[in-house]
PDB file of all heavy atoms in Angstrom:
ATOM      1  N   ALA A   1      12.982 -18.436   4.610  1.00  0.00           N
ATOM      2  CA  ALA A   1      11.807 -18.695   5.441  1.00  0.00           C
ATOM      3  C   ALA A   1      10.883 -17.486   5.523  1.00  0.00           C
ATOM      4  O   ALA A   1       9.670 -17.631   5.690  1.00  0.00           O
ATOM      5  CB  ALA A   1      12.243 -19.112   6.847  1.00  0.00           C
ATOM      6  N   MET A   2      11.426 -16.287   5.377  1.00  0.00           N
ATOM      7  CA  MET A   2      10.641 -15.065   5.558  1.00  0.00           C
ATOM      8  C   MET A   2       9.907 -14.627   4.292  1.00  0.00           C
ATOM      9  O   MET A   2       8.821 -14.048   4.366  1.00  0.00           O
ATOM     10  CB  MET A   2      11.577 -13.940   6.022  1.00  0.00           C
ATOM     11  CG  MET A   2      10.854 -12.638   6.254  1.00  0.00           C
ATOM     12  SD  MET A   2      11.979 -11.315   6.688  1.00  0.00           S
ATOM     13  CE  MET A   2      10.808  -9.960   6.816  1.00  0.00           C
ATOM     14  N   ARG A   3      10.468 -14.889   3.138  1.00  0.00           N
ATOM     15  CA  ARG A   3       9.910 -14.371   1.886  1.00  0.00           C
ATOM     16  C   ARG A   3       8.444 -14.733   1.649  1.00  0.00           C
ATOM     17  O   ARG A   3       7.648 -13.862   1.292  1.00  0.00           O
ATOM     18  CB  ARG A   3      10.764 -14.845   0.708  1.00  0.00           C
ATOM     19  CG  ARG A   3      11.919 -13.917   0.395  1.00  0.00           C
ATOM     20  CD  ARG A   3      12.687 -14.422  -0.804  1.00  0.00           C
ATOM     21  NE  ARG A   3      13.895 -13.620  -1.040  1.00  0.00           N
ATOM     22  CZ  ARG A   3      14.904 -14.029  -1.763  1.00  0.00           C
ATOM     23  NH1 ARG A   3      14.861 -15.225  -2.328  1.00  0.00           N
ATOM     24  NH2 ARG A   3      15.958 -13.257  -1.941  1.00  0.00           N
ATOM     25  N   PRO A   4       8.045 -16.005   1.819  1.00  0.00           N
ATOM     26  CA  PRO A   4       6.624 -16.324   1.570  1.00  0.00           C
ATOM     27  C   PRO A   4       5.668 -15.508   2.434  1.00  0.00           C
ATOM     28  O   PRO A   4       4.631 -15.037   1.944  1.00  0.00           O
ATOM     29  CB  PRO A   4       6.550 -17.822   1.909  1.00  0.00           C
ATOM     30  CG  PRO A   4       7.944 -18.327   1.720  1.00  0.00           C
ATOM     31  CD  PRO A   4       8.834 -17.197   2.157  1.00  0.00           C
ATOM     32  N   TYR A   5       6.016 -15.326   3.707  1.00  0.00           N
ATOM     33  CA  TYR A   5       5.158 -14.531   4.606  1.00  0.00           C
ATOM     34  C   TYR A   5       5.101 -13.083   4.160  1.00  0.00           C
ATOM     35  O   TYR A   5       4.014 -12.488   4.069  1.00  0.00           O
ATOM     36  CB  TYR A   5       5.688 -14.627   6.033  1.00  0.00           C
ATOM     37  CG  TYR A   5       5.046 -13.650   6.990  1.00  0.00           C
ATOM     38  CD1 TYR A   5       3.778 -13.888   7.515  1.00  0.00           C
ATOM     39  CD2 TYR A   5       5.701 -12.476   7.364  1.00  0.00           C
ATOM     40  CE1 TYR A   5       3.178 -12.995   8.379  1.00  0.00           C
ATOM     41  CE2 TYR A   5       5.111 -11.577   8.231  1.00  0.00           C
ATOM     42  CZ  TYR A   5       3.855 -11.840   8.743  1.00  0.00           C
ATOM     43  OH  TYR A   5       3.253 -10.951   9.581  1.00  0.00           O
ATOM     44  N   ALA A   6       6.263 -12.499   3.867  1.00  0.00           N
ATOM     45  CA  ALA A   6       6.312 -11.090   3.474  1.00  0.00           C
ATOM     46  C   ALA A   6       5.567 -10.860   2.159  1.00  0.00           C
ATOM     47  O   ALA A   6       4.811  -9.888   2.020  1.00  0.00           O
ATOM     48  CB  ALA A   6       7.767 -10.637   3.343  1.00  0.00           C
ATOM     49  N   ASP A   7       5.763 -11.755   1.189  1.00  0.00           N
ATOM     50  CA  ASP A   7       5.088 -11.598  -0.108  1.00  0.00           C
ATOM     51  C   ASP A   7       3.576 -11.755   0.030  1.00  0.00           C
ATOM     52  O   ASP A   7       2.807 -11.015  -0.592  1.00  0.00           O
ATOM     53  CB  ASP A   7       5.633 -12.626  -1.103  1.00  0.00           C
ATOM     54  CG  ASP A   7       7.086 -12.372  -1.457  1.00  0.00           C
ATOM     55  OD1 ASP A   7       7.562 -11.243  -1.228  1.00  0.00           O
ATOM     56  OD2 ASP A   7       7.757 -13.299  -1.961  1.00  0.00           O
ATOM     57  N   LYS A   8       3.143 -12.712   0.827  1.00  0.00           N
ATOM     58  CA  LYS A   8       1.703 -12.924   1.011  1.00  0.00           C
ATOM     59  C   LYS A   8       1.067 -11.771   1.760  1.00  0.00           C
ATOM     60  O   LYS A   8      -0.061 -11.349   1.426  1.00  0.00           O
ATOM     61  CB  LYS A   8       1.470 -14.232   1.771  1.00  0.00           C
ATOM     62  CG  LYS A   8       0.020 -14.702   1.744  1.00  0.00           C
ATOM     63  CD  LYS A   8      -0.424 -15.014   0.331  1.00  0.00           C
ATOM     64  CE  LYS A   8      -1.871 -15.484   0.292  1.00  0.00           C
ATOM     65  NZ  LYS A   8      -2.317 -15.760  -1.097  1.00  0.00           N
ATOM     66  N   LEU A   9       1.759 -11.228   2.742  1.00  0.00           N
ATOM     67  CA  LEU A   9       1.233 -10.082   3.492  1.00  0.00           C
ATOM     68  C   LEU A   9       1.077  -8.879   2.575  1.00  0.00           C
ATOM     69  O   LEU A   9       0.056  -8.181   2.617  1.00  0.00           O
ATOM     70  CB  LEU A   9       2.176  -9.746   4.655  1.00  0.00           C
ATOM     71  CG  LEU A   9       1.760  -8.566   5.547  1.00  0.00           C
ATOM     72  CD1 LEU A   9       0.415  -8.845   6.194  1.00  0.00           C
ATOM     73  CD2 LEU A   9       2.819  -8.303   6.603  1.00  0.00           C
ATOM     74  N   THR A  10       2.075  -8.624   1.728  1.00  0.00           N
ATOM     75  CA  THR A  10       1.996  -7.507   0.778  1.00  0.00           C
ATOM     76  C   THR A  10       0.871  -7.731  -0.219  1.00  0.00           C
ATOM     77  O   THR A  10       0.116  -6.801  -0.549  1.00  0.00           O
ATOM     78  CB  THR A  10       3.335  -7.355   0.033  1.00  0.00           C
ATOM     79  OG1 THR A  10       4.379  -7.129   0.975  1.00  0.00           O
ATOM     80  CG2 THR A  10       3.283  -6.180  -0.932  1.00  0.00           C
ATOM     81  N   GLU A  11       0.735  -8.952  -0.705  1.00  0.00           N
ATOM     82  CA  GLU A  11      -0.329  -9.274  -1.661  1.00  0.00           C
ATOM     83  C   GLU A  11      -1.707  -9.046  -1.048  1.00  0.00           C
ATOM     84  O   GLU A  11      -2.608  -8.463  -1.674  1.00  0.00           O
ATOM     85  CB  GLU A  11      -0.184 -10.721  -2.112  1.00  0.00           C
ATOM     86  CG  GLU A  11      -1.271 -11.187  -3.061  1.00  0.00           C
ATOM     87  CD  GLU A  11      -1.184 -12.675  -3.356  1.00  0.00           C
ATOM     88  OE1 GLU A  11      -0.124 -13.280  -3.077  1.00  0.00           O
ATOM     89  OE2 GLU A  11      -2.172 -13.239  -3.867  1.00  0.00           O
ATOM     90  N   LEU A  12      -1.882  -9.510   0.179  1.00  0.00           N
ATOM     91  CA  LEU A  12      -3.165  -9.331   0.865  1.00  0.00           C
ATOM     92  C   LEU A  12      -3.469  -7.865   1.092  1.00  0.00           C
ATOM     93  O   LEU A  12      -4.599  -7.405   0.877  1.00  0.00           O
ATOM     94  CB  LEU A  12      -3.135 -10.075   2.202  1.00  0.00           C
ATOM     95  CG  LEU A  12      -4.372  -9.937   3.096  1.00  0.00           C
ATOM     96  CD1 LEU A  12      -5.589 -10.505   2.400  1.00  0.00           C
ATOM     97  CD2 LEU A  12      -4.142 -10.631   4.438  1.00  0.00           C
ATOM     98  N   LEU A  13      -2.462  -7.101   1.512  1.00  0.00           N
ATOM     99  CA  LEU A  13      -2.653  -5.681   1.764  1.00  0.00           C
ATOM    100  C   LEU A  13      -3.044  -4.942   0.492  1.00  0.00           C
ATOM    101  O   LEU A  13      -3.970  -4.123   0.486  1.00  0.00           O
ATOM    102  CB  LEU A  13      -1.367  -5.081   2.346  1.00  0.00           C
ATOM    103  CG  LEU A  13      -1.381  -3.575   2.578  1.00  0.00           C
ATOM    104  CD1 LEU A  13      -2.409  -3.217   3.628  1.00  0.00           C
ATOM    105  CD2 LEU A  13      -0.008  -3.072   2.998  1.00  0.00           C
ATOM    106  N   GLN A  14      -2.338  -5.211  -0.606  1.00  0.00           N
ATOM    107  CA  GLN A  14      -2.645  -4.543  -1.863  1.00  0.00           C
ATOM    108  C   GLN A  14      -4.023  -4.928  -2.375  1.00  0.00           C
ATOM    109  O   GLN A  14      -4.752  -4.102  -2.926  1.00  0.00           O
ATOM    110  CB  GLN A  14      -1.579  -4.878  -2.909  1.00  0.00           C
ATOM    111  CG  GLN A  14      -0.225  -4.258  -2.622  1.00  0.00           C
ATOM    112  CD  GLN A  14       0.796  -4.599  -3.683  1.00  0.00           C
ATOM    113  OE1 GLN A  14       0.706  -5.624  -4.350  1.00  0.00           O
ATOM    114  NE2 GLN A  14       1.787  -3.746  -3.833  1.00  0.00           N
ATOM    115  N   ASP A  15      -4.396  -6.183  -2.171  1.00  0.00           N
ATOM    116  CA  ASP A  15      -5.706  -6.643  -2.604  1.00  0.00           C
ATOM    117  C   ASP A  15      -6.816  -5.926  -1.840  1.00  0.00           C
ATOM    118  O   ASP A  15      -7.814  -5.484  -2.407  1.00  0.00           O
ATOM    119  CB  ASP A  15      -5.817  -8.158  -2.400  1.00  0.00           C
ATOM    120  CG  ASP A  15      -7.122  -8.708  -2.946  1.00  0.00           C
ATOM    121  OD1 ASP A  15      -7.574  -8.197  -3.992  1.00  0.00           O
ATOM    122  OD2 ASP A  15      -7.689  -9.624  -2.332  1.00  0.00           O
ATOM    123  N   LEU A  16      -6.621  -5.783  -0.525  1.00  0.00           N
ATOM    124  CA  LEU A  16      -7.620  -5.088   0.284  1.00  0.00           C
ATOM    125  C   LEU A  16      -7.633  -3.595  -0.011  1.00  0.00           C
ATOM    126  O   LEU A  16      -8.690  -2.968  -0.092  1.00  0.00           O
ATOM    127  CB  LEU A  16      -7.346  -5.328   1.771  1.00  0.00           C
ATOM    128  CG  LEU A  16      -7.551  -6.756   2.288  1.00  0.00           C
ATOM    129  CD1 LEU A  16      -7.146  -6.849   3.748  1.00  0.00           C
ATOM    130  CD2 LEU A  16      -8.996  -7.186   2.122  1.00  0.00           C
ATOM    131  N   SER A  17      -6.448  -3.001  -0.194  1.00  0.00           N
ATOM    132  CA  SER A  17      -6.350  -1.561  -0.454  1.00  0.00           C
ATOM    133  C   SER A  17      -7.018  -1.202  -1.772  1.00  0.00           C
ATOM    134  O   SER A  17      -7.594  -0.118  -1.921  1.00  0.00           O
ATOM    135  CB  SER A  17      -4.881  -1.124  -0.474  1.00  0.00           C
ATOM    136  OG  SER A  17      -4.286  -1.368   0.781  1.00  0.00           O
ATOM    137  N   ALA A  18      -6.931  -2.103  -2.738  1.00  0.00           N
ATOM    138  CA  ALA A  18      -7.506  -1.825  -4.058  1.00  0.00           C
ATOM    139  C   ALA A  18      -9.023  -1.760  -4.008  1.00  0.00           C
ATOM    140  O   ALA A  18      -9.659  -1.167  -4.895  1.00  0.00           O
ATOM    141  CB  ALA A  18      -7.066  -2.891  -5.053  1.00  0.00           C
ATOM    142  N   THR A  19      -9.647  -2.346  -2.979  1.00  0.00           N
ATOM    143  CA  THR A  19     -11.105  -2.350  -2.878  1.00  0.00           C
ATOM    144  C   THR A  19     -11.634  -1.163  -2.080  1.00  0.00           C
ATOM    145  O   THR A  19     -12.841  -0.976  -1.990  1.00  0.00           O
ATOM    146  CB  THR A  19     -11.587  -3.653  -2.208  1.00  0.00           C
ATOM    147  OG1 THR A  19     -11.083  -3.708  -0.864  1.00  0.00           O
ATOM    148  CG2 THR A  19     -11.092  -4.868  -2.985  1.00  0.00           C
ATOM    149  N   LEU A  20     -10.736  -0.353  -1.517  1.00  0.00           N
ATOM    150  CA  LEU A  20     -11.165   0.804  -0.735  1.00  0.00           C
ATOM    151  C   LEU A  20     -11.554   1.957  -1.647  1.00  0.00           C
ATOM    152  O   LEU A  20     -10.999   2.123  -2.738  1.00  0.00           O
ATOM    153  CB  LEU A  20     -10.044   1.263   0.205  1.00  0.00           C
ATOM    154  CG  LEU A  20      -9.700   0.330   1.367  1.00  0.00           C
ATOM    155  CD1 LEU A  20      -8.498   0.893   2.125  1.00  0.00           C
ATOM    156  CD2 LEU A  20     -10.875   0.156   2.301  1.00  0.00           C
ATOM    157  N   ASP A  21     -12.481   2.755  -1.194  1.00  0.00           N
ATOM    158  CA  ASP A  21     -12.848   3.952  -1.946  1.00  0.00           C
ATOM    159  C   ASP A  21     -11.730   4.964  -1.873  1.00  0.00           C
ATOM    160  O   ASP A  21     -10.915   4.974  -0.956  1.00  0.00           O
ATOM    161  CB  ASP A  21     -14.131   4.566  -1.373  1.00  0.00           C
ATOM    162  CG  ASP A  21     -15.313   3.602  -1.498  1.00  0.00           C
ATOM    163  OD1 ASP A  21     -15.308   2.802  -2.460  1.00  0.00           O
ATOM    164  OD2 ASP A  21     -16.197   3.651  -0.626  1.00  0.00           O
ATOM    165  N   ALA A  22     -11.694   5.874  -2.841  1.00  0.00           N
ATOM    166  CA  ALA A  22     -10.616   6.860  -2.903  1.00  0.00           C
ATOM    167  C   ALA A  22     -10.596   7.765  -1.686  1.00  0.00           C
ATOM    168  O   ALA A  22      -9.544   8.166  -1.204  1.00  0.00           O
ATOM    169  CB  ALA A  22     -10.746   7.697  -4.172  1.00  0.00           C
ATOM    170  N   ASP A  23     -11.792   8.079  -1.157  1.00  0.00           N
ATOM    171  CA  ASP A  23     -11.843   9.006  -0.026  1.00  0.00           C
ATOM    172  C   ASP A  23     -11.546   8.328   1.307  1.00  0.00           C
ATOM    173  O   ASP A  23     -11.471   8.988   2.338  1.00  0.00           O
ATOM    174  CB  ASP A  23     -13.223   9.686   0.042  1.00  0.00           C
ATOM    175  CG  ASP A  23     -14.353   8.670   0.147  1.00  0.00           C
ATOM    176  OD1 ASP A  23     -14.062   7.455   0.034  1.00  0.00           O
ATOM    177  OD2 ASP A  23     -15.503   9.093   0.335  1.00  0.00           O
ATOM    178  N   SER A  24     -11.381   7.016   1.291  1.00  0.00           N
ATOM    179  CA  SER A  24     -11.067   6.313   2.534  1.00  0.00           C
ATOM    180  C   SER A  24      -9.669   5.723   2.523  1.00  0.00           C
ATOM    181  O   SER A  24      -9.372   4.832   3.295  1.00  0.00           O
ATOM    182  CB  SER A  24     -12.093   5.185   2.768  1.00  0.00           C
ATOM    183  OG  SER A  24     -12.048   4.253   1.709  1.00  0.00           O
ATOM    184  N   GLY A  25      -8.838   6.245   1.626  1.00  0.00           N
ATOM    185  CA  GLY A  25      -7.483   5.727   1.493  1.00  0.00           C
ATOM    186  C   GLY A  25      -6.632   6.032   2.707  1.00  0.00           C
ATOM    187  O   GLY A  25      -6.919   6.932   3.500  1.00  0.00           O
ATOM    188  N   SER A  26      -5.583   5.283   2.869  1.00  0.00           N
ATOM    189  CA  SER A  26      -4.716   5.452   4.021  1.00  0.00           C
ATOM    190  C   SER A  26      -3.811   6.667   3.844  1.00  0.00           C
ATOM    191  O   SER A  26      -3.539   7.102   2.720  1.00  0.00           O
ATOM    192  CB  SER A  26      -3.868   4.190   4.206  1.00  0.00           C
ATOM    193  OG  SER A  26      -2.830   4.436   5.113  1.00  0.00           O
ATOM    194  N   LYS A  27      -3.326   7.190   4.965  1.00  0.00           N
ATOM    195  CA  LYS A  27      -2.383   8.309   4.928  1.00  0.00           C
ATOM    196  C   LYS A  27      -1.060   7.880   4.311  1.00  0.00           C
ATOM    197  O   LYS A  27      -0.276   8.719   3.863  1.00  0.00           O
ATOM    198  CB  LYS A  27      -2.156   8.841   6.337  1.00  0.00           C
ATOM    199  CG  LYS A  27      -1.672   7.768   7.328  1.00  0.00           C
ATOM    200  CD  LYS A  27      -1.644   8.291   8.746  1.00  0.00           C
ATOM    201  CE  LYS A  27      -1.238   7.175   9.721  1.00  0.00           C
ATOM    202  NZ  LYS A  27      -1.247   7.655  11.126  1.00  0.00           N
ATOM    203  N   PHE A  28      -0.827   6.568   4.283  1.00  0.00           N
ATOM    204  CA  PHE A  28       0.393   6.065   3.670  1.00  0.00           C
ATOM    205  C   PHE A  28       0.251   5.860   2.161  1.00  0.00           C
ATOM    206  O   PHE A  28       1.212   5.493   1.500  1.00  0.00           O
ATOM    207  CB  PHE A  28       0.810   4.739   4.325  1.00  0.00           C
ATOM    208  CG  PHE A  28       1.091   4.853   5.786  1.00  0.00           C
ATOM    209  CD1 PHE A  28       0.290   4.220   6.718  1.00  0.00           C
ATOM    210  CD2 PHE A  28       2.171   5.609   6.251  1.00  0.00           C
ATOM    211  CE1 PHE A  28       0.539   4.327   8.081  1.00  0.00           C
ATOM    212  CE2 PHE A  28       2.444   5.719   7.602  1.00  0.00           C
ATOM    213  CZ  PHE A  28       1.622   5.077   8.521  1.00  0.00           C
ATOM    214  N   SER A  29      -0.953   6.065   1.640  1.00  0.00           N
ATOM    215  CA  SER A  29      -1.193   5.900   0.208  1.00  0.00           C
ATOM    216  C   SER A  29      -1.311   7.239  -0.512  1.00  0.00           C
ATOM    217  O   SER A  29      -1.557   7.268  -1.719  1.00  0.00           O
ATOM    218  CB  SER A  29      -2.476   5.082  -0.019  1.00  0.00           C
ATOM    219  OG  SER A  29      -2.419   3.839   0.643  1.00  0.00           O
ATOM    220  N   GLU A  30      -1.157   8.325   0.208  1.00  0.00           N
ATOM    221  CA  GLU A  30      -1.343   9.660  -0.372  1.00  0.00           C
ATOM    222  C   GLU A  30      -0.318   9.941  -1.470  1.00  0.00           C
ATOM    223  O   GLU A  30       0.885   9.907  -1.240  1.00  0.00           O
ATOM    224  CB  GLU A  30      -1.223  10.715   0.727  1.00  0.00           C
ATOM    225  CG  GLU A  30      -1.436  12.130   0.229  1.00  0.00           C
ATOM    226  CD  GLU A  30      -1.246  13.169   1.323  1.00  0.00           C
ATOM    227  OE1 GLU A  30      -1.074  12.756   2.495  1.00  0.00           O
ATOM    228  OE2 GLU A  30      -1.272  14.376   1.009  1.00  0.00           O
ATOM    229  N   GLN A  31      -0.818  10.210  -2.656  1.00  0.00           N
ATOM    230  CA  GLN A  31       0.038  10.524  -3.795  1.00  0.00           C
ATOM    231  C   GLN A  31       0.226  12.045  -3.873  1.00  0.00           C
ATOM    232  O   GLN A  31      -0.743  12.784  -3.966  1.00  0.00           O
ATOM    233  CB  GLN A  31      -0.596  10.008  -5.098  1.00  0.00           C
ATOM    234  CG  GLN A  31      -0.876   8.513  -5.099  1.00  0.00           C
ATOM    235  CD  GLN A  31       0.390   7.675  -5.101  1.00  0.00           C
ATOM    236  OE1 GLN A  31       1.403   8.058  -5.685  1.00  0.00           O
ATOM    237  NE2 GLN A  31       0.329   6.512  -4.461  1.00  0.00           N
ATOM    238  N   ARG A  32       1.465  12.484  -3.843  1.00  0.00           N
ATOM    239  CA  ARG A  32       1.764  13.916  -3.848  1.00  0.00           C
ATOM    240  C   ARG A  32       2.636  14.266  -5.041  1.00  0.00           C
ATOM    241  O   ARG A  32       3.220  13.394  -5.682  1.00  0.00           O
ATOM    242  CB  ARG A  32       2.499  14.321  -2.568  1.00  0.00           C
ATOM    243  CG  ARG A  32       1.852  13.874  -1.276  1.00  0.00           C
ATOM    244  CD  ARG A  32       2.806  14.113  -0.111  1.00  0.00           C
ATOM    245  NE  ARG A  32       2.303  13.536   1.140  1.00  0.00           N
ATOM    246  CZ  ARG A  32       3.052  13.233   2.174  1.00  0.00           C
ATOM    247  NH1 ARG A  32       4.367  13.427   2.113  1.00  0.00           N
ATOM    248  NH2 ARG A  32       2.530  12.721   3.265  1.00  0.00           N
ATOM    249  N   ASP A  33       2.729  15.556  -5.294  1.00  0.00           N
ATOM    250  CA  ASP A  33       3.682  16.038  -6.284  1.00  0.00           C
ATOM    251  C   ASP A  33       5.081  15.844  -5.707  1.00  0.00           C
ATOM    252  O   ASP A  33       5.427  16.428  -4.681  1.00  0.00           O
ATOM    253  CB  ASP A  33       3.422  17.513  -6.583  1.00  0.00           C
ATOM    254  CG  ASP A  33       4.345  18.051  -7.669  1.00  0.00           C
ATOM    255  OD1 ASP A  33       4.881  17.218  -8.432  1.00  0.00           O
ATOM    256  OD2 ASP A  33       4.533  19.280  -7.733  1.00  0.00           O
ATOM    257  N   VAL A  34       5.882  15.027  -6.357  1.00  0.00           N
ATOM    258  CA  VAL A  34       7.178  14.637  -5.807  1.00  0.00           C
ATOM    259  C   VAL A  34       8.185  15.771  -5.942  1.00  0.00           C
ATOM    260  O   VAL A  34       8.584  16.144  -7.045  1.00  0.00           O
ATOM    261  CB  VAL A  34       7.716  13.372  -6.501  1.00  0.00           C
ATOM    262  CG1 VAL A  34       9.087  13.003  -5.940  1.00  0.00           C
ATOM    263  CG2 VAL A  34       6.742  12.215  -6.324  1.00  0.00           C
ATOM    264  N   LYS A  35       8.583  16.319  -4.799  1.00  0.00           N
ATOM    265  CA  LYS A  35       9.615  17.357  -4.750  1.00  0.00           C
ATOM    266  C   LYS A  35      10.788  16.941  -3.855  1.00  0.00           C
ATOM    267  O   LYS A  35      11.930  17.263  -4.147  1.00  0.00           O
ATOM    268  CB  LYS A  35       9.014  18.670  -4.230  1.00  0.00           C
ATOM    269  CG  LYS A  35       7.938  19.267  -5.134  1.00  0.00           C
ATOM    270  CD  LYS A  35       7.398  20.560  -4.553  1.00  0.00           C
ATOM    271  CE  LYS A  35       6.327  21.150  -5.453  1.00  0.00           C
ATOM    272  NZ  LYS A  35       5.755  22.413  -4.886  1.00  0.00           N
ATOM    273  N   LYS A  36      10.458  16.238  -2.776  1.00  0.00           N
ATOM    274  CA  LYS A  36      11.493  15.785  -1.842  1.00  0.00           C
ATOM    275  C   LYS A  36      11.469  14.270  -1.767  1.00  0.00           C
ATOM    276  O   LYS A  36      10.441  13.665  -1.454  1.00  0.00           O
ATOM    277  CB  LYS A  36      11.252  16.410  -0.461  1.00  0.00           C
ATOM    278  CG  LYS A  36      11.418  17.929  -0.430  1.00  0.00           C
ATOM    279  CD  LYS A  36      11.072  18.495   0.932  1.00  0.00           C
ATOM    280  CE  LYS A  36       9.579  18.373   1.203  1.00  0.00           C
ATOM    281  NZ  LYS A  36       9.217  19.014   2.505  1.00  0.00           N
ATOM    282  N   VAL A  37      12.628  13.677  -2.047  1.00  0.00           N
ATOM    283  CA  VAL A  37      12.747  12.217  -2.125  1.00  0.00           C
ATOM    284  C   VAL A  37      13.753  11.726  -1.086  1.00  0.00           C
ATOM    285  O   VAL A  37      14.787  12.360  -0.866  1.00  0.00           O
ATOM    286  CB  VAL A  37      13.194  11.766  -3.532  1.00  0.00           C
ATOM    287  CG1 VAL A  37      13.317  10.240  -3.606  1.00  0.00           C
ATOM    288  CG2 VAL A  37      12.218  12.277  -4.589  1.00  0.00           C
ATOM    289  N   LEU A  38      13.439  10.590  -0.477  1.00  0.00           N
ATOM    290  CA  LEU A  38      14.356   9.957   0.475  1.00  0.00           C
ATOM    291  C   LEU A  38      14.707   8.568  -0.057  1.00  0.00           C
ATOM    292  O   LEU A  38      13.810   7.772  -0.357  1.00  0.00           O
ATOM    293  CB  LEU A  38      13.717   9.847   1.857  1.00  0.00           C
ATOM    294  CG  LEU A  38      14.571   9.172   2.945  1.00  0.00           C
ATOM    295  CD1 LEU A  38      15.842   9.961   3.201  1.00  0.00           C
ATOM    296  CD2 LEU A  38      13.773   9.002   4.235  1.00  0.00           C
TER     297      LEU A  38
END
């Protein structure tokens, strides 16, 4: 029951995020040099 909602929410978020300018990206989208992994 949960999968369709979760997949659609992720799809919508990625679709909207892809239309944002690079300088207005979210703090959760920040790409860094990977040194510490969890």
